[in-house]
PDB file of N, CA and C in Angstrom:
ATOM      1  N   LEU A   1       0.796  -1.164  -0.166  1.00  0.00           N
ATOM      2  CA  LEU A   1      -0.034   0.041  -0.020  1.00  0.00           C
ATOM      3  C   LEU A   1       0.583   1.128  -0.131  1.00  0.00           C
ATOM      4  N   SER A   2       1.713   1.339   0.595  1.00  0.00           N
ATOM      5  CA  SER A   2       2.744   2.376   0.721  1.00  0.00           C
ATOM      6  C   SER A   2       3.359   2.794  -0.836  1.00  0.00           C
ATOM      7  N   ARG A   3       3.849   1.698  -1.423  1.00  0.00           N
ATOM      8  CA  ARG A   3       4.340   1.909  -2.536  1.00  0.00           C
ATOM      9  C   ARG A   3       3.399   2.848  -3.649  1.00  0.00           C
ATOM     10  N   VAL A   4       1.568   2.482  -3.458  1.00  0.00           N
ATOM     11  CA  VAL A   4       0.907   2.602  -4.193  1.00  0.00           C
ATOM     12  C   VAL A   4       0.629   4.317  -3.944  1.00  0.00           C
ATOM     13  N   SER A   5       0.911   4.581  -2.729  1.00  0.00           N
ATOM     14  CA  SER A   5       0.529   6.020  -2.392  1.00  0.00           C
ATOM     15  C   SER A   5       1.699   6.667  -2.413  1.00  0.00           C
ATOM     16  N   THR A   6       3.063   6.023  -2.284  1.00  0.00           N
ATOM     17  CA  THR A   6       4.323   7.316  -2.877  1.00  0.00           C
ATOM     18  C   THR A   6       3.832   7.150  -4.265  1.00  0.00           C
ATOM     19  N   LEU A   7       3.702   6.366  -5.243  1.00  0.00           N
ATOM     20  CA  LEU A   7       3.470   6.496  -6.792  1.00  0.00           C
ATOM     21  C   LEU A   7       2.595   7.418  -6.744  1.00  0.00           C
ATOM     22  N   LEU A   8       1.289   7.225  -6.458  1.00  0.00           N
ATOM     23  CA  LEU A   8       0.313   8.546  -6.501  1.00  0.00           C
ATOM     24  C   LEU A   8       0.711   9.658  -5.783  1.00  0.00           C
ATOM     25  N   ALA A   9       1.515   9.961  -4.512  1.00  0.00           N
ATOM     26  CA  ALA A   9       2.194  11.397  -4.399  1.00  0.00           C
ATOM     27  C   ALA A   9       2.976  11.809  -5.462  1.00  0.00           C
ATOM     28  N   LEU A  10       3.752  11.116  -5.958  1.00  0.00           N
ATOM     29  CA  LEU A  10       4.578  11.249  -7.341  1.00  0.00           C
ATOM     30  C   LEU A  10       3.611  11.690  -8.294  1.00  0.00           C
ATOM     31  N   VAL A  11       2.848  11.093  -8.817  1.00  0.00           N
ATOM     32  CA  VAL A  11       1.974  11.689  -9.876  1.00  0.00           C
ATOM     33  C   VAL A  11       1.435  12.846  -9.490  1.00  0.00           C
ATOM     34  N   MET A  12       0.918  12.955  -8.399  1.00  0.00           N
ATOM     35  CA  MET A  12       0.074  14.305  -8.050  1.00  0.00           C
ATOM     36  C   MET A  12       1.130  15.633  -8.000  1.00  0.00           C
ATOM     37  N   ILE A  13       2.297  15.198  -7.825  1.00  0.00           N
ATOM     38  CA  ILE A  13       3.317  16.420  -7.668  1.00  0.00           C
ATOM     39  C   ILE A  13       3.839  16.920  -9.040  1.00  0.00           C
ATOM     40  N   LEU A  14       4.096  15.950 -10.082  1.00  0.00           N
ATOM     41  CA  LEU A  14       4.645  15.810 -11.289  1.00  0.00           C
ATOM     42  C   LEU A  14       3.600  16.961 -11.905  1.00  0.00           C
ATOM     43  N   THR A  15       2.028  16.347 -11.879  1.00  0.00           N
ATOM     44  CA  THR A  15       0.894  16.895 -12.606  1.00  0.00           C
ATOM     45  C   THR A  15       1.092  18.664 -12.336  1.00  0.00           C
ATOM     46  N   ALA A  16       0.991  18.708 -10.859  1.00  0.00           N
ATOM     47  CA  ALA A  16       0.932  20.056 -10.343  1.00  0.00           C
ATOM     48  C   ALA A  16       2.320  21.248 -10.414  1.00  0.00           C
ATOM     49  N   LEU A  17       3.532  20.482 -11.047  1.00  0.00           N
ATOM     50  CA  LEU A  17       4.749  21.348 -11.684  1.00  0.00           C
ATOM     51  C   LEU A  17       4.435  21.283 -13.182  1.00  0.00           C
ATOM     52  N   PHE A  18       3.920  20.449 -13.624  1.00  0.00           N
ATOM     53  CA  PHE A  18       3.374  20.909 -15.097  1.00  0.00           C
ATOM     54  C   PHE A  18       2.189  21.756 -15.605  1.00  0.00           C
ATOM     55  N   VAL A  19       1.089  21.946 -14.495  1.00  0.00           N
ATOM     56  CA  VAL A  19       0.205  22.815 -14.713  1.00  0.00           C
ATOM     57  C   VAL A  19       0.823  24.058 -14.585  1.00  0.00           C
ATOM     58  N   ARG A  20       1.899  24.270 -13.435  1.00  0.00           N
ATOM     59  CA  ARG A  20       2.579  25.536 -13.018  1.00  0.00           C
ATOM     60  C   ARG A  20       3.334  25.751 -14.235  1.00  0.00           C
ATOM     61  N   ALA A  21       3.943  24.692 -14.606  1.00  0.00           N
ATOM     62  CA  ALA A  21       4.948  25.320 -15.982  1.00  0.00           C
ATOM     63  C   ALA A  21       4.081  25.790 -16.827  1.00  0.00           C
ATOM     64  N   GLN A  22       3.263  24.931 -17.302  1.00  0.00           N
ATOM     65  CA  GLN A  22       2.048  25.726 -18.444  1.00  0.00           C
ATOM     66  C   GLN A  22       1.275  26.862 -17.924  1.00  0.00           C
ATOM     67  N   GLY A  23       1.034  27.324 -17.174  1.00  0.00           N
ATOM     68  CA  GLY A  23       0.926  28.682 -16.670  1.00  0.00           C
ATOM     69  C   GLY A  23       1.805  29.801 -16.730  1.00  0.00           C
ATOM     70  N   ASN A  24       3.230  29.378 -16.562  1.00  0.00           N
ATOM     71  CA  ASN A  24       4.289  30.377 -16.837  1.00  0.00           C
ATOM     72  C   ASN A  24       4.360  30.753 -18.473  1.00  0.00           C
ATOM     73  N   ALA A  25       4.219  29.506 -19.189  1.00  0.00           N
ATOM     74  CA  ALA A  25       4.532  29.822 -20.674  1.00  0.00           C
ATOM     75  C   ALA A  25       3.521  30.724 -21.447  1.00  0.00           C
ATOM     76  N   THR A  26       4.099  31.862 -22.412  1.00  0.00           N
ATOM     77  CA  THR A  26       3.009  32.241 -23.421  1.00  0.00           C
ATOM     78  C   THR A  26       3.543  32.009 -24.359  1.00  0.00           C
ATOM     79  N   SER A  27       2.718  32.796 -25.649  1.00  0.00           N
ATOM     80  CA  SER A  27       2.595  32.580 -26.617  1.00  0.00           C
ATOM     81  C   SER A  27       2.570  34.069 -27.341  1.00  0.00           C
ATOM     82  N   LEU A  28       3.271  34.159 -28.520  1.00  0.00           N
ATOM     83  CA  LEU A  28       2.916  35.274 -29.281  1.00  0.00           C
ATOM     84  C   LEU A  28       2.010  34.867 -30.655  1.00  0.00           C
ATOM     85  N   SER A  29       0.944  35.405 -31.022  1.00  0.00           N
ATOM     86  CA  SER A  29       0.630  35.244 -32.731  1.00  0.00           C
ATOM     87  C   SER A  29       0.567  36.433 -33.345  1.00  0.00           C
ATOM     88  N   VAL A  30       0.920  36.228 -34.450  1.00  0.00           N
ATOM     89  CA  VAL A  30       0.957  37.515 -34.939  1.00  0.00           C
ATOM     90  C   VAL A  30       0.582  37.486 -36.620  1.00  0.00           C
ATOM     91  N   LYS A  31      -0.690  38.053 -36.514  1.00  0.00           N
ATOM     92  CA  LYS A  31      -1.727  38.188 -37.596  1.00  0.00           C
ATOM     93  C   LYS A  31      -1.504  39.192 -38.801  1.00  0.00           C
ATOM     94  N   ASN A  32      -0.905  38.605 -40.025  1.00  0.00           N
ATOM     95  CA  ASN A  32      -0.700  39.899 -41.186  1.00  0.00           C
ATOM     96  C   ASN A  32      -1.942  40.171 -41.554  1.00  0.00           C
ATOM     97  N   SER A  33      -2.455  41.319 -41.189  1.00  0.00           N
ATOM     98  CA  SER A  33      -3.899  41.605 -42.004  1.00  0.00           C
ATOM     99  C   SER A  33      -3.378  43.221 -43.159  1.00  0.00           C
ATOM    100  N   SER A  34      -2.246  42.991 -43.476  1.00  0.00           N
ATOM    101  CA  SER A  34      -1.641  43.989 -44.215  1.00  0.00           C
ATOM    102  C   SER A  34      -1.713  43.647 -45.487  1.00  0.00           C
ATOM    103  N   ASP A  35      -1.354  44.223 -46.455  1.00  0.00           N
ATOM    104  CA  ASP A  35      -0.882  43.911 -47.861  1.00  0.00           C
ATOM    105  C   ASP A  35       0.422  43.047 -48.179  1.00  0.00           C
ATOM    106  N   LEU A  36       1.009  43.413 -47.283  1.00  0.00           N
ATOM    107  CA  LEU A  36       2.618  43.053 -47.293  1.00  0.00           C
ATOM    108  C   LEU A  36       2.955  41.985 -46.892  1.00  0.00           C
ATOM    109  N   THR A  37       3.770  41.383 -47.206  1.00  0.00           N
ATOM    110  CA  THR A  37       4.698  39.939 -46.670  1.00  0.00           C
ATOM    111  C   THR A  37       5.521  40.605 -46.015  1.00  0.00           C
ATOM    112  N   ILE A  38       5.581  39.663 -45.044  1.00  0.00           N
ATOM    113  CA  ILE A  38       6.650  39.867 -43.880  1.00  0.00           C
ATOM    114  C   ILE A  38       7.726  38.535 -44.148  1.00  0.00           C
ATOM    115  N   VAL A  39       8.954  39.072 -44.285  1.00  0.00           N
ATOM    116  CA  VAL A  39      10.123  37.983 -44.549  1.00  0.00           C
ATOM    117  C   VAL A  39      10.693  37.577 -43.466  1.00  0.00           C
ATOM    118  N   GLU A  40      10.688  38.280 -42.425  1.00  0.00           N
ATOM    119  CA  GLU A  40      11.750  38.312 -41.288  1.00  0.00           C
ATOM    120  C   GLU A  40      11.066  38.519 -40.052  1.00  0.00           C
ATOM    121  N   LEU A  41      10.876  38.042 -39.252  1.00  0.00           N
ATOM    122  CA  LEU A  41      10.662  38.571 -38.050  1.00  0.00           C
ATOM    123  C   LEU A  41      11.416  38.078 -36.604  1.00  0.00           C
ATOM    124  N   TYR A  42      11.854  38.818 -35.676  1.00  0.00           N
ATOM    125  CA  TYR A  42      12.948  38.885 -34.951  1.00  0.00           C
ATOM    126  C   TYR A  42      12.361  38.951 -33.375  1.00  0.00           C
ATOM    127  N   VAL A  43      12.396  38.297 -32.227  1.00  0.00           N
ATOM    128  CA  VAL A  43      11.986  38.672 -31.099  1.00  0.00           C
ATOM    129  C   VAL A  43      12.820  38.520 -29.802  1.00  0.00           C
ATOM    130  N   SER A  44      13.553  39.106 -29.200  1.00  0.00           N
ATOM    131  CA  SER A  44      14.280  39.435 -28.238  1.00  0.00           C
ATOM    132  C   SER A  44      13.959  40.009 -27.255  1.00  0.00           C
ATOM    133  N   ARG A  45      14.481  39.612 -25.866  1.00  0.00           N
ATOM    134  CA  ARG A  45      14.021  40.362 -24.747  1.00  0.00           C
ATOM    135  C   ARG A  45      14.472  41.664 -24.734  1.00  0.00           C
ATOM    136  N   SER A  46      13.486  42.691 -24.275  1.00  0.00           N
ATOM    137  CA  SER A  46      14.021  44.169 -24.384  1.00  0.00           C
ATOM    138  C   SER A  46      15.285  44.378 -23.324  1.00  0.00           C
ATOM    139  N   GLY A  47      16.337  45.198 -24.589  1.00  0.00           N
ATOM    140  CA  GLY A  47      17.324  45.722 -23.847  1.00  0.00           C
ATOM    141  C   GLY A  47      18.782  44.682 -24.149  1.00  0.00           C
ATOM    142  N   ARG A  48      18.504  43.701 -24.992  1.00  0.00           N
ATOM    143  CA  ARG A  48      19.522  42.859 -25.455  1.00  0.00           C
ATOM    144  C   ARG A  48      20.021  43.393 -27.150  1.00  0.00           C
ATOM    145  N   GLU A  49      21.441  43.311 -27.113  1.00  0.00           N
ATOM    146  CA  GLU A  49      21.805  43.791 -28.400  1.00  0.00           C
ATOM    147  C   GLU A  49      21.552  42.604 -29.409  1.00  0.00           C
ATOM    148  N   TYR A  50      21.551  41.269 -28.953  1.00  0.00           N
ATOM    149  CA  TYR A  50      21.431  40.147 -29.933  1.00  0.00           C
ATOM    150  C   TYR A  50      20.150  39.896 -30.615  1.00  0.00           C
ATOM    151  N   TRP A  51      19.643  39.925 -31.786  1.00  0.00           N
ATOM    152  CA  TRP A  51      17.955  39.557 -32.016  1.00  0.00           C
ATOM    153  C   TRP A  51      18.025  38.294 -31.831  1.00  0.00           C
ATOM    154  N   GLY A  52      19.069  37.594 -32.561  1.00  0.00           N
ATOM    155  CA  GLY A  52      18.907  35.983 -32.524  1.00  0.00           C
ATOM    156  C   GLY A  52      18.361  35.352 -33.948  1.00  0.00           C
ATOM    157  N   GLN A  53      17.875  34.170 -34.542  1.00  0.00           N
ATOM    158  CA  GLN A  53      17.667  34.104 -35.773  1.00  0.00           C
ATOM    159  C   GLN A  53      15.977  34.413 -36.301  1.00  0.00           C
ATOM    160  N   ASN A  54      15.659  34.433 -37.624  1.00  0.00           N
ATOM    161  CA  ASN A  54      14.626  34.911 -38.130  1.00  0.00           C
ATOM    162  C   ASN A  54      13.439  34.018 -37.502  1.00  0.00           C
ATOM    163  N   GLN A  55      12.617  34.034 -37.038  1.00  0.00           N
ATOM    164  CA  GLN A  55      11.785  33.135 -36.227  1.00  0.00           C
ATOM    165  C   GLN A  55      10.843  32.596 -37.348  1.00  0.00           C
ATOM    166  N   LEU A  56      10.565  33.048 -38.520  1.00  0.00           N
ATOM    167  CA  LEU A  56       9.706  32.683 -39.440  1.00  0.00           C
ATOM    168  C   LEU A  56      10.489  31.483 -40.534  1.00  0.00           C
ATOM    169  N   GLY A  57      10.138  30.695 -40.861  1.00  0.00           N
ATOM    170  CA  GLY A  57      10.272  29.498 -41.774  1.00  0.00           C
ATOM    171  C   GLY A  57      10.359  29.815 -42.948  1.00  0.00           C
ATOM    172  N   ASN A  58       8.956  30.268 -43.340  1.00  0.00           N
ATOM    173  CA  ASN A  58       8.309  30.618 -44.479  1.00  0.00           C
ATOM    174  C   ASN A  58       7.767  32.328 -44.413  1.00  0.00           C
ATOM    175  N   PRO A  59       7.801  33.144 -45.155  1.00  0.00           N
ATOM    176  CA  PRO A  59       7.121  34.555 -45.198  1.00  0.00           C
ATOM    177  C   PRO A  59       5.789  34.263 -44.786  1.00  0.00           C
ATOM    178  N   LEU A  60       5.727  35.659 -43.709  1.00  0.00           N
ATOM    179  CA  LEU A  60       4.146  35.666 -43.451  1.00  0.00           C
ATOM    180  C   LEU A  60       3.304  36.384 -44.374  1.00  0.00           C
ATOM    181  N   ARG A  61       2.733  36.128 -45.153  1.00  0.00           N
ATOM    182  CA  ARG A  61       2.031  36.585 -46.781  1.00  0.00           C
ATOM    183  C   ARG A  61       0.681  37.107 -45.754  1.00  0.00           C
ATOM    184  N   PRO A  62       0.055  38.120 -46.617  1.00  0.00           N
ATOM    185  CA  PRO A  62      -1.217  38.292 -46.219  1.00  0.00           C
ATOM    186  C   PRO A  62      -2.477  37.526 -45.719  1.00  0.00           C
ATOM    187  N   ALA A  63      -3.063  37.654 -44.611  1.00  0.00           N
ATOM    188  CA  ALA A  63      -4.165  36.837 -44.171  1.00  0.00           C
ATOM    189  C   ALA A  63      -3.599  35.500 -43.439  1.00  0.00           C
ATOM    190  N   GLN A  64      -2.110  35.563 -43.356  1.00  0.00           N
ATOM    191  CA  GLN A  64      -1.679  34.324 -42.390  1.00  0.00           C
ATOM    192  C   GLN A  64      -1.363  34.691 -40.832  1.00  0.00           C
ATOM    193  N   THR A  65      -1.318  33.882 -40.224  1.00  0.00           N
ATOM    194  CA  THR A  65      -0.936  34.131 -38.785  1.00  0.00           C
ATOM    195  C   THR A  65       0.235  33.457 -38.491  1.00  0.00           C
ATOM    196  N   PHE A  66       1.190  33.578 -37.759  1.00  0.00           N
ATOM    197  CA  PHE A  66       2.340  33.055 -37.122  1.00  0.00           C
ATOM    198  C   PHE A  66       2.317  32.855 -35.569  1.00  0.00           C
ATOM    199  N   ARG A  67       2.306  31.709 -35.472  1.00  0.00           N
ATOM    200  CA  ARG A  67       2.653  31.876 -33.623  1.00  0.00           C
ATOM    201  C   ARG A  67       3.712  31.021 -32.979  1.00  0.00           C
ATOM    202  N   LEU A  68       4.541  32.015 -32.294  1.00  0.00           N
ATOM    203  CA  LEU A  68       5.414  31.411 -31.444  1.00  0.00           C
ATOM    204  C   LEU A  68       5.253  31.246 -30.140  1.00  0.00           C
ATOM    205  N   PRO A  69       5.132  29.687 -29.602  1.00  0.00           N
ATOM    206  CA  PRO A  69       4.707  29.230 -28.369  1.00  0.00           C
ATOM    207  C   PRO A  69       5.940  29.503 -27.374  1.00  0.00           C
ATOM    208  N   ASN A  70       5.727  29.452 -26.258  1.00  0.00           N
ATOM    209  CA  ASN A  70       6.682  28.835 -25.080  1.00  0.00           C
ATOM    210  C   ASN A  70       7.860  30.123 -24.867  1.00  0.00           C
ATOM    211  N   LEU A  71       7.089  31.536 -24.691  1.00  0.00           N
ATOM    212  CA  LEU A  71       8.119  32.543 -24.375  1.00  0.00           C
ATOM    213  C   LEU A  71       7.905  32.628 -22.715  1.00  0.00           C
ATOM    214  N   PRO A  72       8.599  32.820 -22.381  1.00  0.00           N
ATOM    215  CA  PRO A  72       8.524  32.991 -20.601  1.00  0.00           C
ATOM    216  C   PRO A  72       7.727  34.691 -20.921  1.00  0.00           C
ATOM    217  N   ALA A  73       7.301  35.032 -20.070  1.00  0.00           N
ATOM    218  CA  ALA A  73       6.622  36.259 -19.561  1.00  0.00           C
ATOM    219  C   ALA A  73       7.347  37.309 -19.482  1.00  0.00           C
ATOM    220  N   SER A  74       7.612  38.613 -20.342  1.00  0.00           N
ATOM    221  CA  SER A  74       8.757  39.547 -20.431  1.00  0.00           C
ATOM    222  C   SER A  74       8.290  40.367 -21.051  1.00  0.00           C
ATOM    223  N   ARG A  75       9.235  41.985 -21.144  1.00  0.00           N
ATOM    224  CA  ARG A  75       8.861  42.519 -22.333  1.00  0.00           C
ATOM    225  C   ARG A  75      10.123  41.892 -23.486  1.00  0.00           C
ATOM    226  N   TYR A  76       9.351  42.489 -24.267  1.00  0.00           N
ATOM    227  CA  TYR A  76      10.152  42.009 -26.084  1.00  0.00           C
ATOM    228  C   TYR A  76      10.241  43.223 -26.846  1.00  0.00           C
ATOM    229  N   ASP A  77      11.500  42.718 -27.551  1.00  0.00           N
ATOM    230  CA  ASP A  77      11.501  43.862 -28.529  1.00  0.00           C
ATOM    231  C   ASP A  77      11.514  43.277 -29.769  1.00  0.00           C
ATOM    232  N   LEU A  78      10.250  43.607 -30.915  1.00  0.00           N
ATOM    233  CA  LEU A  78      10.260  43.038 -31.967  1.00  0.00           C
ATOM    234  C   LEU A  78      10.597  43.579 -33.060  1.00  0.00           C
ATOM    235  N   LYS A  79      11.059  42.827 -34.175  1.00  0.00           N
ATOM    236  CA  LYS A  79      11.709  43.251 -35.526  1.00  0.00           C
ATOM    237  C   LYS A  79      11.130  42.969 -36.388  1.00  0.00           C
ATOM    238  N   LEU A  80      10.417  43.280 -37.534  1.00  0.00           N
ATOM    239  CA  LEU A  80       9.740  42.977 -38.519  1.00  0.00           C
ATOM    240  C   LEU A  80      10.578  43.691 -39.848  1.00  0.00           C
ATOM    241  N   VAL A  81      10.370  42.865 -40.760  1.00  0.00           N
ATOM    242  CA  VAL A  81      10.909  43.205 -42.185  1.00  0.00           C
ATOM    243  C   VAL A  81      10.135  42.505 -43.246  1.00  0.00           C
ATOM    244  N   ASP A  82       9.851  43.662 -44.050  1.00  0.00           N
ATOM    245  CA  ASP A  82       8.848  43.373 -45.136  1.00  0.00           C
ATOM    246  C   ASP A  82       9.463  42.967 -46.616  1.00  0.00           C
ATOM    247  N   HIS A  83       8.797  42.572 -47.314  1.00  0.00           N
ATOM    248  CA  HIS A  83       9.656  42.184 -48.778  1.00  0.00           C
ATOM    249  C   HIS A  83      10.478  43.438 -49.651  1.00  0.00           C
ATOM    250  N   GLU A  84       9.940  44.253 -48.662  1.00  0.00           N
ATOM    251  CA  GLU A  84      10.565  45.396 -49.625  1.00  0.00           C
ATOM    252  C   GLU A  84      11.809  45.774 -48.864  1.00  0.00           C
ATOM    253  N   GLY A  85      12.086  45.624 -47.770  1.00  0.00           N
ATOM    254  CA  GLY A  85      13.415  45.703 -47.068  1.00  0.00           C
ATOM    255  C   GLY A  85      13.233  46.927 -45.713  1.00  0.00           C
ATOM    256  N   TYR A  86      12.060  47.304 -45.641  1.00  0.00           N
ATOM    257  CA  TYR A  86      11.770  48.098 -44.356  1.00  0.00           C
ATOM    258  C   TYR A  86      11.493  47.526 -43.401  1.00  0.00           C
ATOM    259  N   VAL A  87      11.826  47.738 -42.276  1.00  0.00           N
ATOM    260  CA  VAL A  87      11.999  47.853 -41.153  1.00  0.00           C
ATOM    261  C   VAL A  87      11.146  48.150 -40.150  1.00  0.00           C
ATOM    262  N   CYS A  88      10.565  47.519 -39.408  1.00  0.00           N
ATOM    263  CA  CYS A  88       9.821  48.024 -38.268  1.00  0.00           C
ATOM    264  C   CYS A  88      10.116  47.545 -36.807  1.00  0.00           C
ATOM    265  N   MET A  89      10.480  48.042 -36.156  1.00  0.00           N
ATOM    266  CA  MET A  89      11.001  47.610 -34.364  1.00  0.00           C
ATOM    267  C   MET A  89       9.522  48.368 -33.561  1.00  0.00           C
ATOM    268  N   THR A  90       9.205  47.322 -32.671  1.00  0.00           N
ATOM    269  CA  THR A  90       8.329  47.891 -31.409  1.00  0.00           C
ATOM    270  C   THR A  90       8.650  47.054 -30.096  1.00  0.00           C
ATOM    271  N   GLN A  91       8.003  47.470 -28.924  1.00  0.00           N
ATOM    272  CA  GLN A  91       8.221  46.682 -27.569  1.00  0.00           C
ATOM    273  C   GLN A  91       6.834  45.712 -27.638  1.00  0.00           C
ATOM    274  N   ILE A  92       7.020  45.036 -27.087  1.00  0.00           N
ATOM    275  CA  ILE A  92       5.658  44.244 -26.434  1.00  0.00           C
ATOM    276  C   ILE A  92       5.872  43.724 -25.345  1.00  0.00           C
ATOM    277  N   GLN A  93       4.730  43.776 -24.464  1.00  0.00           N
ATOM    278  CA  GLN A  93       4.929  43.223 -22.811  1.00  0.00           C
ATOM    279  C   GLN A  93       3.863  41.773 -22.993  1.00  0.00           C
ATOM    280  N   ILE A  94       4.792  40.744 -22.570  1.00  0.00           N
ATOM    281  CA  ILE A  94       3.840  39.443 -23.062  1.00  0.00           C
ATOM    282  C   ILE A  94       3.609  38.922 -21.517  1.00  0.00           C
ATOM    283  N   VAL A  95       2.494  39.017 -21.184  1.00  0.00           N
ATOM    284  CA  VAL A  95       2.023  38.408 -19.546  1.00  0.00           C
ATOM    285  C   VAL A  95       1.570  37.164 -19.616  1.00  0.00           C
ATOM    286  N   ARG A  96       0.655  36.785 -21.005  1.00  0.00           N
ATOM    287  CA  ARG A  96      -0.110  35.733 -21.353  1.00  0.00           C
ATOM    288  C   ARG A  96      -0.073  35.920 -22.570  1.00  0.00           C
ATOM    289  N   ASP A  97      -0.730  34.999 -23.314  1.00  0.00           N
ATOM    290  CA  ASP A  97      -0.613  34.456 -25.032  1.00  0.00           C
ATOM    291  C   ASP A  97      -1.309  35.833 -25.467  1.00  0.00           C
ATOM    292  N   GLU A  98      -0.459  36.361 -26.127  1.00  0.00           N
ATOM    293  CA  GLU A  98      -0.615  37.863 -27.049  1.00  0.00           C
ATOM    294  C   GLU A  98      -1.026  37.803 -28.473  1.00  0.00           C
ATOM    295  N   PHE A  99      -1.723  38.688 -28.734  1.00  0.00           N
ATOM    296  CA  PHE A  99      -2.013  38.536 -30.065  1.00  0.00           C
ATOM    297  C   PHE A  99      -1.739  39.923 -30.780  1.00  0.00           C
ATOM    298  N   VAL A 100      -0.912  40.004 -31.838  1.00  0.00           N
ATOM    299  CA  VAL A 100      -0.755  41.136 -32.609  1.00  0.00           C
ATOM    300  C   VAL A 100      -1.328  41.265 -33.793  1.00  0.00           C
ATOM    301  N   GLU A 101      -1.992  42.107 -34.362  1.00  0.00           N
ATOM    302  CA  GLU A 101      -2.306  42.239 -35.716  1.00  0.00           C
ATOM    303  C   GLU A 101      -1.449  43.679 -36.575  1.00  0.00           C
ATOM    304  N   LEU A 102      -1.030  43.005 -37.556  1.00  0.00           N
ATOM    305  CA  LEU A 102      -0.145  43.817 -38.235  1.00  0.00           C
ATOM    306  C   LEU A 102      -1.271  44.521 -39.521  1.00  0.00           C
ATOM    307  N   THR A 103      -1.258  45.863 -39.712  1.00  0.00           N
ATOM    308  CA  THR A 103      -2.354  46.200 -40.269  1.00  0.00           C
ATOM    309  C   THR A 103      -1.318  47.591 -41.610  1.00  0.00           C
ATOM    310  N   ASN A 104      -1.965  47.479 -42.511  1.00  0.00           N
ATOM    311  CA  ASN A 104      -1.385  48.541 -43.537  1.00  0.00           C
ATOM    312  C   ASN A 104      -0.661  49.655 -42.639  1.00  0.00           C
ATOM    313  N   ASP A 105      -1.831  50.544 -42.133  1.00  0.00           N
ATOM    314  CA  ASP A 105      -1.445  51.751 -41.805  1.00  0.00           C
ATOM    315  C   ASP A 105      -0.584  51.306 -40.311  1.00  0.00           C
ATOM    316  N   TRP A 106      -0.940  50.321 -39.986  1.00  0.00           N
ATOM    317  CA  TRP A 106       0.036  50.371 -38.356  1.00  0.00           C
ATOM    318  C   TRP A 106       1.639  49.970 -39.121  1.00  0.00           C
ATOM    319  N   LEU A 107       1.844  49.055 -39.958  1.00  0.00           N
ATOM    320  CA  LEU A 107       3.037  49.035 -40.393  1.00  0.00           C
ATOM    321  C   LEU A 107       3.709  50.047 -41.126  1.00  0.00           C
ATOM    322  N   LEU A 108       2.924  50.900 -41.856  1.00  0.00           N
ATOM    323  CA  LEU A 108       3.410  52.302 -43.121  1.00  0.00           C
ATOM    324  C   LEU A 108       3.987  53.020 -41.366  1.00  0.00           C
ATOM    325  N   ARG A 109       3.470  53.197 -40.733  1.00  0.00           N
ATOM    326  CA  ARG A 109       3.601  54.236 -39.208  1.00  0.00           C
ATOM    327  C   ARG A 109       4.821  53.712 -38.679  1.00  0.00           C
ATOM    328  N   CYS A 110       4.775  52.467 -38.821  1.00  0.00           N
ATOM    329  CA  CYS A 110       6.020  51.514 -37.892  1.00  0.00           C
ATOM    330  C   CYS A 110       7.466  51.993 -38.451  1.00  0.00           C
ATOM    331  N   GLU A 111       7.036  51.476 -39.818  1.00  0.00           N
ATOM    332  CA  GLU A 111       8.953  51.599 -40.801  1.00  0.00           C
ATOM    333  C   GLU A 111       8.705  53.236 -41.156  1.00  0.00           C
ATOM    334  N   GLY A 112       8.032  53.962 -40.798  1.00  0.00           N
ATOM    335  CA  GLY A 112       8.338  55.343 -41.192  1.00  0.00           C
ATOM    336  C   GLY A 112       7.968  55.967 -42.846  1.00  0.00           C
ATOM    337  N   ARG A 113       6.957  55.385 -42.770  1.00  0.00           N
ATOM    338  CA  ARG A 113       6.810  55.873 -44.240  1.00  0.00           C
ATOM    339  C   ARG A 113       5.776  56.469 -44.460  1.00  0.00           C
ATOM    340  N   ARG A 114       4.841  56.997 -43.220  1.00  0.00           N
ATOM    341  CA  ARG A 114       3.840  57.620 -43.185  1.00  0.00           C
ATOM    342  C   ARG A 114       4.099  58.803 -42.028  1.00  0.00           C
TER     343      ARG A 114
END
């Protein structure tokens, strides 16, 4: 009986740890509602000089959504590059699953073209 009790307690502890870990993980979803194709997306914790690698495996075309899972809650810098080479940099605070919608107006203002 003690072996079963120990195993049951271990399962409960591991389940609680898994649920807690899942609660700390967030995601970033980016929907491209613009007419522009986004060819690069970089995500870096704010204040860091290194951008890391392009997170997009394929270009993010109009009407497509890209999801980046398992981000720790934090403030992030985002860098987007469109198919014409224009760059947009912005900051976002992620505390839970976050959704960003890219529109023509938002991208043009961010890229300094308006």
